[in-house]
Amino acid sequence: MIRIKRITIAEINEVAPLFDGYRVFYKMESDLVAAAEFLKNRIAKEESIIFAAYENNKAVGFTQLYYTFSSVSLQKSLILNDLYVDANYRKQSIGEQLLLKAQEFCKKNTYKRLALETAIDNPAQKLYEKLGWEKDFHAFHYFWQVK
């Protein structure tokens, strides 16, 4: 049975290997120490919320939410920045359970919305839409990067 819980600094080392795997999936070099330190800093500075999915006390997936704000509505919002399930545990609705936990947290804490960005060819889009996420067709996203 899968159990979803918000992690604390004490549980960082349980989730860090998943976060490292997530980064490797996106073509970054593995660095477990840096991954753990990054997560530790996000939680210590109250910059993110991390939910982990556990099966038999083993972390098998996670999602990380970041805080943001809407100046127009004068409300807080969340960005679902990271979502990852260990390859050995996929196709078991763990990603769906993590998404539902994020939505529940958003509602419970009266945030305006929860946003995410995904690749155009990501098959998870069907899951997002099934859970009530709406595709944005009226805006473009631009990024500027320091070089």
Protein backbone atom coordinates (compact mmCIF):
# COMPACT_ATOMS: atom_id res chain seq x y z
CA MET A 1 0.00 0.00 0.00
CA ILE A 2 1.29 3.45 -0.94
CA ARG A 3 1.51 6.13 1.73
CA ILE A 4 2.05 9.80 0.80
CA LYS A 5 3.59 12.17 3.32
CA ARG A 6 5.18 15.60 3.45
CA ILE A 7 8.84 15.17 4.17
CA THR A 8 11.00 17.03 6.65
CA ILE A 9 14.74 17.58 6.77
CA ALA A 10 15.02 14.32 8.72
CA GLU A 11 13.75 12.39 5.65
CA ILE A 12 15.91 14.10 3.01
CA ASN A 13 18.21 11.09 2.62
CA GLU A 14 15.19 8.90 1.83
CA VAL A 15 14.16 11.14 -1.08
CA ALA A 16 17.56 12.36 -2.31
CA PRO A 17 18.22 9.23 -4.45
CA LEU A 18 14.88 9.81 -6.22
CA PHE A 19 15.70 13.48 -6.76
CA ASP A 20 19.11 12.49 -8.13
CA GLY A 21 17.41 9.98 -10.46
CA TYR A 22 15.01 12.71 -11.59
CA ARG A 23 17.94 14.98 -12.46
CA VAL A 24 19.71 12.15 -14.33
CA PHE A 25 16.49 11.58 -16.29
CA TYR A 26 16.84 15.21 -17.45
CA LYS A 27 20.43 14.57 -18.61
CA MET A 28 22.22 16.02 -15.57
CA GLU A 29 25.16 14.24 -13.99
CA SER A 30 24.43 12.22 -10.89
CA ASP A 31 25.43 14.00 -7.67
CA LEU A 32 23.68 12.51 -4.67
CA VAL A 33 25.43 14.79 -2.17
CA ALA A 34 24.45 17.95 -4.05
CA ALA A 35 20.90 16.62 -4.55
CA ALA A 36 20.49 16.04 -0.81
CA GLU A 37 21.95 19.45 0.01
CA PHE A 38 19.65 21.17 -2.48
CA LEU A 39 16.55 19.53 -0.98
CA LYS A 40 17.74 20.24 2.55
CA ASN A 41 18.15 23.93 1.72
CA ARG A 42 14.71 24.18 0.10
CA ILE A 43 13.03 22.76 3.19
CA ALA A 44 15.21 24.60 5.73
CA LYS A 45 14.52 27.93 4.01
CA GLU A 46 10.81 27.05 3.60
CA GLU A 47 11.12 27.50 -0.17
CA SER A 48 9.41 24.28 -1.18
CA ILE A 49 7.09 21.52 -0.09
CA ILE A 50 8.03 17.94 -0.87
CA PHE A 51 5.63 15.02 -0.76
CA ALA A 52 7.02 11.51 -1.03
CA ALA A 53 5.28 8.25 -1.85
CA TYR A 54 6.33 5.32 0.30
CA GLU A 55 5.83 1.62 -0.22
CA ASN A 56 6.88 -0.53 2.75
CA ASN A 57 8.76 2.45 4.25
CA LYS A 58 10.78 2.96 1.05
CA ALA A 59 10.46 6.26 -0.83
CA VAL A 60 9.45 5.38 -4.41
CA GLY A 61 8.29 8.75 -5.79
CA PHE A 62 8.10 12.43 -4.96
CA THR A 63 6.74 15.77 -6.02
CA GLN A 64 8.18 19.17 -5.16
CA LEU A 65 6.08 22.32 -5.03
CA TYR A 66 7.44 25.86 -5.04
CA TYR A 67 5.69 28.96 -3.78
CA THR A 68 4.79 31.84 -6.08
CA PHE A 69 2.33 34.72 -6.08
CA SER A 70 -0.26 36.31 -8.34
CA SER A 71 0.04 40.08 -8.28
CA VAL A 72 -3.23 40.50 -10.15
CA SER A 73 -5.33 38.39 -7.77
CA LEU A 74 -3.21 39.18 -4.71
CA GLN A 75 -3.05 35.48 -3.86
CA LYS A 76 -0.44 32.80 -3.30
CA SER A 77 -0.03 29.99 -5.84
CA LEU A 78 2.09 26.88 -6.16
CA ILE A 79 4.23 25.50 -8.97
CA LEU A 80 4.45 21.73 -9.24
CA ASN A 81 8.04 21.78 -10.44
CA ASP A 82 9.12 18.16 -9.99
CA LEU A 83 7.28 14.85 -10.20
CA TYR A 84 9.13 11.55 -10.35
CA VAL A 85 8.43 7.89 -9.68
CA ASP A 86 11.16 5.25 -9.59
CA ALA A 87 11.06 3.23 -12.83
CA ASN A 88 10.40 0.02 -10.87
CA TYR A 89 7.20 1.49 -9.40
CA ARG A 90 5.61 3.13 -12.44
CA LYS A 91 2.19 2.12 -13.77
CA GLN A 92 0.88 1.75 -10.21
CA SER A 93 -0.93 5.14 -9.94
CA ILE A 94 1.79 6.59 -7.70
CA GLY A 95 2.18 9.68 -9.88
CA GLU A 96 -1.58 10.15 -9.75
CA GLN A 97 -1.58 9.86 -5.96
CA LEU A 98 1.19 12.46 -5.70
CA LEU A 99 -0.73 14.83 -7.98
CA LEU A 100 -3.89 14.38 -5.93
CA LYS A 101 -1.95 15.08 -2.71
CA ALA A 102 -0.59 18.30 -4.23
CA GLN A 103 -4.11 19.35 -5.28
CA GLU A 104 -5.47 18.55 -1.82
CA PHE A 105 -2.68 20.60 -0.19
CA CYS A 106 -3.40 23.51 -2.52
CA LYS A 107 -7.12 23.49 -1.65
CA LYS A 108 -6.60 22.99 2.08
CA ASN A 109 -4.21 25.94 2.27
CA THR A 110 -6.37 28.20 0.03
CA TYR A 111 -3.79 28.78 -2.71
CA LYS A 112 -5.21 30.28 -5.90
CA ARG A 113 -3.88 27.56 -8.18
CA LEU A 114 -1.32 24.90 -8.88
CA ALA A 115 0.66 25.18 -12.11
CA LEU A 116 2.96 22.80 -13.94
CA GLU A 117 4.94 22.75 -17.14
CA THR A 118 5.58 19.62 -19.17
CA ALA A 119 7.13 18.56 -22.46
CA ILE A 120 4.85 18.69 -25.48
CA ASP A 121 5.29 14.93 -26.01
CA ASN A 122 4.90 13.87 -22.35
CA PRO A 123 2.27 11.08 -22.22
CA ALA A 124 1.40 12.15 -18.63
CA GLN A 125 -0.71 14.95 -20.16
CA LYS A 126 -3.63 12.51 -20.27
CA LEU A 127 -3.31 11.99 -16.52
CA TYR A 128 -3.13 15.74 -15.84
CA GLU A 129 -6.29 16.34 -17.85
CA LYS A 130 -8.05 13.40 -16.18
CA LEU A 131 -7.35 15.07 -12.82
CA GLY A 132 -8.79 18.42 -13.91
CA TRP A 133 -5.68 20.25 -15.09
CA GLU A 134 -6.34 22.56 -18.03
CA LYS A 135 -3.89 23.17 -20.84
CA ASP A 136 -2.98 26.82 -21.32
CA PHE A 137 -3.64 27.89 -24.91
CA HIS A 138 -3.67 31.64 -24.40
CA ALA A 139 -0.11 32.32 -23.26
CA PHE A 140 3.45 31.59 -24.29
CA HIS A 141 6.23 30.92 -21.81
CA TYR A 142 9.53 32.71 -22.40
CA PHE A 143 12.78 32.08 -20.62
CA TRP A 144 15.94 34.13 -20.36
CA GLN A 145 19.07 32.37 -19.27
CA VAL A 146 22.42 33.71 -18.08
CA LYS A 147 25.17 32.49 -20.40
